[in-house]
C-alpha atoms as a PDB file:
ATOM      1  CA  MET A   1     128.256  73.859 117.905  1.00  0.00           C
ATOM      2  CA  ALA A   2     127.957  76.768 120.291  1.00  0.00           C
ATOM      3  CA  PRO A   3     125.486  76.394 123.163  1.00  0.00           C
ATOM      4  CA  ARG A   4     122.225  78.237 122.658  1.00  0.00           C
ATOM      5  CA  SER A   5     119.644  79.401 125.092  1.00  0.00           C
ATOM      6  CA  MET A   6     116.049  78.480 124.302  1.00  0.00           C
ATOM      7  CA  THR A   7     114.944  82.002 125.139  1.00  0.00           C
ATOM      8  CA  GLY A   8     115.262  84.645 122.481  1.00  0.00           C
ATOM      9  CA  PHE A   9     113.680  87.562 120.696  1.00  0.00           C
ATOM     10  CA  GLY A  10     114.148  88.991 117.239  1.00  0.00           C
ATOM     11  CA  ARG A  11     112.560  91.737 115.203  1.00  0.00           C
ATOM     12  CA  GLY A  12     112.777  92.392 111.498  1.00  0.00           C
ATOM     13  CA  GLU A  13     111.293  94.819 108.986  1.00  0.00           C
ATOM     14  CA  ALA A  14     110.992  94.791 105.232  1.00  0.00           C
ATOM     15  CA  ALA A  15     109.600  97.628 103.126  1.00  0.00           C
ATOM     16  CA  ASP A  16     108.558  98.255  99.559  1.00  0.00           C
ATOM     17  CA  GLY A  17     107.224 101.769  99.073  1.00  0.00           C
ATOM     18  CA  ASP A  18     104.426 102.383 101.570  1.00  0.00           C
ATOM     19  CA  GLN A  19     104.180  98.647 102.345  1.00  0.00           C
ATOM     20  CA  VAL A  20     106.088  97.764 105.541  1.00  0.00           C
ATOM     21  CA  TRP A  21     105.969  94.374 107.244  1.00  0.00           C
ATOM     22  CA  VAL A  22     107.218  93.947 110.813  1.00  0.00           C
ATOM     23  CA  ALA A  23     108.046  90.471 112.130  1.00  0.00           C
ATOM     24  CA  GLU A  24     108.679  89.603 115.775  1.00  0.00           C
ATOM     25  CA  VAL A  25     109.847  86.200 116.980  1.00  0.00           C
ATOM     26  CA  ARG A  26     109.885  85.103 120.616  1.00  0.00           C
ATOM     27  CA  THR A  27     111.206  81.714 121.713  1.00  0.00           C
ATOM     28  CA  VAL A  28     111.113  79.870 125.023  1.00  0.00           C
ATOM     29  CA  ASN A  29     111.938  76.327 126.078  1.00  0.00           C
ATOM     30  CA  HIS A  30     109.519  73.583 125.049  1.00  0.00           C
ATOM     31  CA  ARG A  31     110.029  69.908 124.467  1.00  0.00           C
ATOM     32  CA  TYR A  32     108.726  69.970 120.885  1.00  0.00           C
ATOM     33  CA  LEU A  33     108.371  72.629 118.226  1.00  0.00           C
ATOM     34  CA  ASP A  34     105.216  74.539 119.135  1.00  0.00           C
ATOM     35  CA  GLN A  35     104.459  77.492 116.875  1.00  0.00           C
ATOM     36  CA  ARG A  36     101.934  80.271 117.369  1.00  0.00           C
ATOM     37  CA  VAL A  37     101.586  82.527 114.334  1.00  0.00           C
ATOM     38  CA  VAL A  38      99.648  85.794 114.361  1.00  0.00           C
ATOM     39  CA  LEU A  39      98.941  87.410 110.992  1.00  0.00           C
ATOM     40  CA  PRO A  40      96.373  89.970 109.873  1.00  0.00           C
ATOM     41  CA  ARG A  41      93.204  88.029 108.967  1.00  0.00           C
ATOM     42  CA  MET A  42      93.437  88.994 105.305  1.00  0.00           C
ATOM     43  CA  TYR A  43      96.845  87.269 105.073  1.00  0.00           C
ATOM     44  CA  SER A  44      96.015  84.063 106.938  1.00  0.00           C
ATOM     45  CA  ALA A  45      96.563  82.121 103.694  1.00  0.00           C
ATOM     46  CA  LEU A  46     100.298  82.710 104.236  1.00  0.00           C
ATOM     47  CA  GLU A  47     100.407  81.076 107.682  1.00  0.00           C
ATOM     48  CA  ASP A  48     101.596  77.717 106.353  1.00  0.00           C
ATOM     49  CA  ARG A  49     104.535  79.363 104.574  1.00  0.00           C
ATOM     50  CA  VAL A  50     105.472  81.128 107.819  1.00  0.00           C
ATOM     51  CA  ARG A  51     105.313  77.863 109.764  1.00  0.00           C
ATOM     52  CA  ARG A  52     107.516  76.065 107.237  1.00  0.00           C
ATOM     53  CA  MET A  53     110.072  78.867 107.322  1.00  0.00           C
ATOM     54  CA  VAL A  54     110.214  78.778 111.128  1.00  0.00           C
ATOM     55  CA  ALA A  55     110.406  74.965 111.187  1.00  0.00           C
ATOM     56  CA  ALA A  56     113.410  75.084 108.837  1.00  0.00           C
ATOM     57  CA  ARG A  57     115.274  77.158 111.441  1.00  0.00           C
ATOM     58  CA  GLN A  58     113.896  75.857 114.761  1.00  0.00           C
ATOM     59  CA  THR A  59     113.714  72.212 115.774  1.00  0.00           C
ATOM     60  CA  ARG A  60     112.103  72.656 119.180  1.00  0.00           C
ATOM     61  CA  GLY A  61     110.800  75.252 121.565  1.00  0.00           C
ATOM     62  CA  ARG A  62     107.759  77.450 121.810  1.00  0.00           C
ATOM     63  CA  VAL A  63     107.968  80.003 118.974  1.00  0.00           C
ATOM     64  CA  ASP A  64     105.609  82.957 118.886  1.00  0.00           C
ATOM     65  CA  VAL A  65     105.623  84.783 115.550  1.00  0.00           C
ATOM     66  CA  THR A  66     103.773  88.052 115.090  1.00  0.00           C
ATOM     67  CA  LEU A  67     103.569  89.672 111.672  1.00  0.00           C
ATOM     68  CA  GLN A  68     102.076  93.126 111.250  1.00  0.00           C
ATOM     69  CA  LEU A  69     101.511  95.341 108.282  1.00  0.00           C
ATOM     70  CA  ALA A  70     102.670  98.870 109.092  1.00  0.00           C
ATOM     71  CA  GLY A  71     102.944 102.118 107.183  1.00  0.00           C
ATOM     72  CA  GLU A  72     100.295 103.708 105.012  1.00  0.00           C
ATOM     73  CA  ALA A  73      99.232 100.376 103.516  1.00  0.00           C
ATOM     74  CA  ALA A  74      98.051  99.325 106.983  1.00  0.00           C
ATOM     75  CA  GLY A  75      95.693 102.293 107.081  1.00  0.00           C
ATOM     76  CA  PRO A  76      92.016 102.130 107.842  1.00  0.00           C
ATOM     77  CA  PRO A  77      89.878  99.477 106.150  1.00  0.00           C
ATOM     78  CA  ARG A  78      87.924 100.337 103.026  1.00  0.00           C
ATOM     79  CA  LEU A  79      84.273 100.795 103.879  1.00  0.00           C
ATOM     80  CA  ARG A  80      81.277 101.112 101.623  1.00  0.00           C
ATOM     81  CA  VAL A  81      77.590 101.836 102.217  1.00  0.00           C
ATOM     82  CA  ASN A  82      75.047  99.378 100.884  1.00  0.00           C
ATOM     83  CA  SER A  83      72.517 102.097  99.968  1.00  0.00           C
ATOM     84  CA  GLU A  84      69.897  99.774  98.500  1.00  0.00           C
ATOM     85  CA  LEU A  85      69.820  97.614 101.624  1.00  0.00           C
ATOM     86  CA  ALA A  86      69.737 100.724 103.824  1.00  0.00           C
ATOM     87  CA  ARG A  87      66.660 101.996 101.900  1.00  0.00           C
ATOM     88  CA  ARG A  88      64.920  98.650 102.401  1.00  0.00           C
ATOM     89  CA  TYR A  89      65.683  98.678 106.116  1.00  0.00           C
ATOM     90  CA  TYR A  90      64.449 102.262 106.333  1.00  0.00           C
ATOM     91  CA  ASP A  91      61.186 101.359 104.593  1.00  0.00           C
ATOM     92  CA  CYS A  92      60.697  98.428 106.978  1.00  0.00           C
ATOM     93  CA  LEU A  93      61.378 100.616 110.008  1.00  0.00           C
ATOM     94  CA  GLN A  94      58.951 103.237 108.711  1.00  0.00           C
ATOM     95  CA  GLN A  95      56.331 100.513 108.235  1.00  0.00           C
ATOM     96  CA  LEU A  96      56.891  99.368 111.831  1.00  0.00           C
ATOM     97  CA  ARG A  97      56.532 102.958 113.062  1.00  0.00           C
ATOM     98  CA  THR A  98      53.186 103.246 111.305  1.00  0.00           C
ATOM     99  CA  GLU A  99      51.833  99.826 112.311  1.00  0.00           C
ATOM    100  CA  LEU A 100      52.885 100.207 115.948  1.00  0.00           C
ATOM    101  CA  ALA A 101      52.023 103.907 116.193  1.00  0.00           C
ATOM    102  CA  ILE A 102      55.524 104.868 117.257  1.00  0.00           C
ATOM    103  CA  GLU A 103      56.000 108.627 117.156  1.00  0.00           C
ATOM    104  CA  ALA A 104      59.812 108.725 117.193  1.00  0.00           C
ATOM    105  CA  PRO A 105      61.401 109.167 113.770  1.00  0.00           C
ATOM    106  CA  VAL A 106      63.798 106.647 112.239  1.00  0.00           C
ATOM    107  CA  THR A 107      67.328 107.980 112.782  1.00  0.00           C
ATOM    108  CA  LEU A 108      70.759 107.238 111.441  1.00  0.00           C
ATOM    109  CA  ALA A 109      71.555 105.690 114.838  1.00  0.00           C
ATOM    110  CA  ASP A 110      68.724 103.205 114.223  1.00  0.00           C
ATOM    111  CA  MET A 111      70.183 102.319 110.828  1.00  0.00           C
ATOM    112  CA  ILE A 112      73.896 102.102 111.592  1.00  0.00           C
ATOM    113  CA  ASN A 113      73.724  98.848 113.553  1.00  0.00           C
ATOM    114  CA  LEU A 114      71.645  96.961 111.020  1.00  0.00           C
ATOM    115  CA  ARG A 115      73.427  94.074 109.358  1.00  0.00           C
ATOM    116  CA  ASP A 116      75.419  94.809 106.189  1.00  0.00           C
ATOM    117  CA  VAL A 117      74.432  98.488 105.862  1.00  0.00           C
ATOM    118  CA  ILE A 118      78.125  99.412 106.093  1.00  0.00           C
ATOM    119  CA  LEU A 119      80.427  96.832 104.577  1.00  0.00           C
ATOM    120  CA  GLN A 120      84.146  96.399 104.917  1.00  0.00           C
ATOM    121  CA  GLU A 121      85.440  95.636 101.459  1.00  0.00           C
ATOM    122  CA  GLU A 122      87.648  92.604 101.218  1.00  0.00           C
ATOM    123  CA  GLN A 123      90.938  93.436  99.618  1.00  0.00           C
ATOM    124  CA  ASN A 124      92.609  90.868  97.404  1.00  0.00           C
ATOM    125  CA  PRO A 125      96.274  91.052  98.280  1.00  0.00           C
ATOM    126  CA  ASP A 126      99.007  89.862  95.961  1.00  0.00           C
ATOM    127  CA  TYR A 127     100.229  87.009  98.164  1.00  0.00           C
ATOM    128  CA  ASP A 128     103.462  86.484  96.224  1.00  0.00           C
ATOM    129  CA  ARG A 129     104.416  90.173  96.563  1.00  0.00           C
ATOM    130  CA  GLU A 130     103.457  90.149 100.237  1.00  0.00           C
ATOM    131  CA  TRP A 131     105.369  86.910 100.857  1.00  0.00           C
ATOM    132  CA  ALA A 132     108.529  88.453  99.444  1.00  0.00           C
ATOM    133  CA  LEU A 133     108.314  91.192 102.098  1.00  0.00           C
ATOM    134  CA  ILE A 134     107.073  88.958 104.904  1.00  0.00           C
ATOM    135  CA  SER A 135     109.823  86.385 104.341  1.00  0.00           C
ATOM    136  CA  ARG A 136     112.514  89.094 104.376  1.00  0.00           C
ATOM    137  CA  ALA A 137     111.169  90.555 107.628  1.00  0.00           C
ATOM    138  CA  LEU A 138     110.810  87.099 109.166  1.00  0.00           C
ATOM    139  CA  GLU A 139     114.330  86.103 108.075  1.00  0.00           C
ATOM    140  CA  LYS A 140     115.744  89.170 109.852  1.00  0.00           C
ATOM    141  CA  ALA A 141     113.719  88.433 112.989  1.00  0.00           C
ATOM    142  CA  LEU A 142     114.826  84.779 113.039  1.00  0.00           C
ATOM    143  CA  ASP A 143     118.474  85.799 112.534  1.00  0.00           C
ATOM    144  CA  GLU A 144     118.273  88.334 115.355  1.00  0.00           C
ATOM    145  CA  CYS A 145     116.614  85.756 117.614  1.00  0.00           C
ATOM    146  CA  ARG A 146     119.359  83.210 116.827  1.00  0.00           C
ATOM    147  CA  VAL A 147     122.079  85.750 117.689  1.00  0.00           C
ATOM    148  CA  MET A 148     120.361  86.550 120.980  1.00  0.00           C
ATOM    149  CA  ARG A 149     120.030  82.843 121.834  1.00  0.00           C
ATOM    150  CA  GLU A 150     123.721  82.234 121.040  1.00  0.00           C
ATOM    151  CA  ARG A 151     124.794  85.224 123.149  1.00  0.00           C
ATOM    152  CA  GLU A 152     122.649  83.995 126.043  1.00  0.00           C
ATOM    153  CA  GLY A 153     124.015  80.452 125.547  1.00  0.00           C
ATOM    154  CA  ARG A 154     127.616  81.697 125.843  1.00  0.00           C
ATOM    155  CA  SER A 155     126.674  83.586 128.988  1.00  0.00           C
ATOM    156  CA  LEU A 156     125.035  80.494 130.484  1.00  0.00           C
ATOM    157  CA  LYS A 157     128.113  78.404 129.613  1.00  0.00           C
ATOM    158  CA  LEU A 158     130.379  80.878 131.424  1.00  0.00           C
ATOM    159  CA  ASP A 159     128.086  80.753 134.454  1.00  0.00           C
ATOM    160  CA  LEU A 160     128.198  76.951 134.483  1.00  0.00           C
ATOM    161  CA  VAL A 161     131.963  76.747 133.998  1.00  0.00           C
END
């Protein structure tokens, strides 16, 4: 077995149409396997699969894995206005204006910060489709990291010899 450095970096991408996943893996020396996985919140259900995939390739070391959705699919979140709730808030604010004799009108700025007036719609991703892309990107990143660690290991061996 060739000597390997514990320090490495790898990057991988996998695309399907406008869906592009980017995986980055960084490793440093650590006595045990210590993984840190960063995924977009919506895909946190896939974290365990990522950890298992890394554990199958790494037995020890600190492994930082970052997975990002890029391309058009990573565009801005879908937002929606809760008009009924906004009307109720507006009516309440108008009532307060009247009861407290406040002359200033109710403005959009007053409304925008009220809870749940603008909602970010939860998207329901197809986890199996996403996993197919994520695992390909992660596989490439892990392979690239391994190659870098082996290259660094050979260099360290030459220095020691």
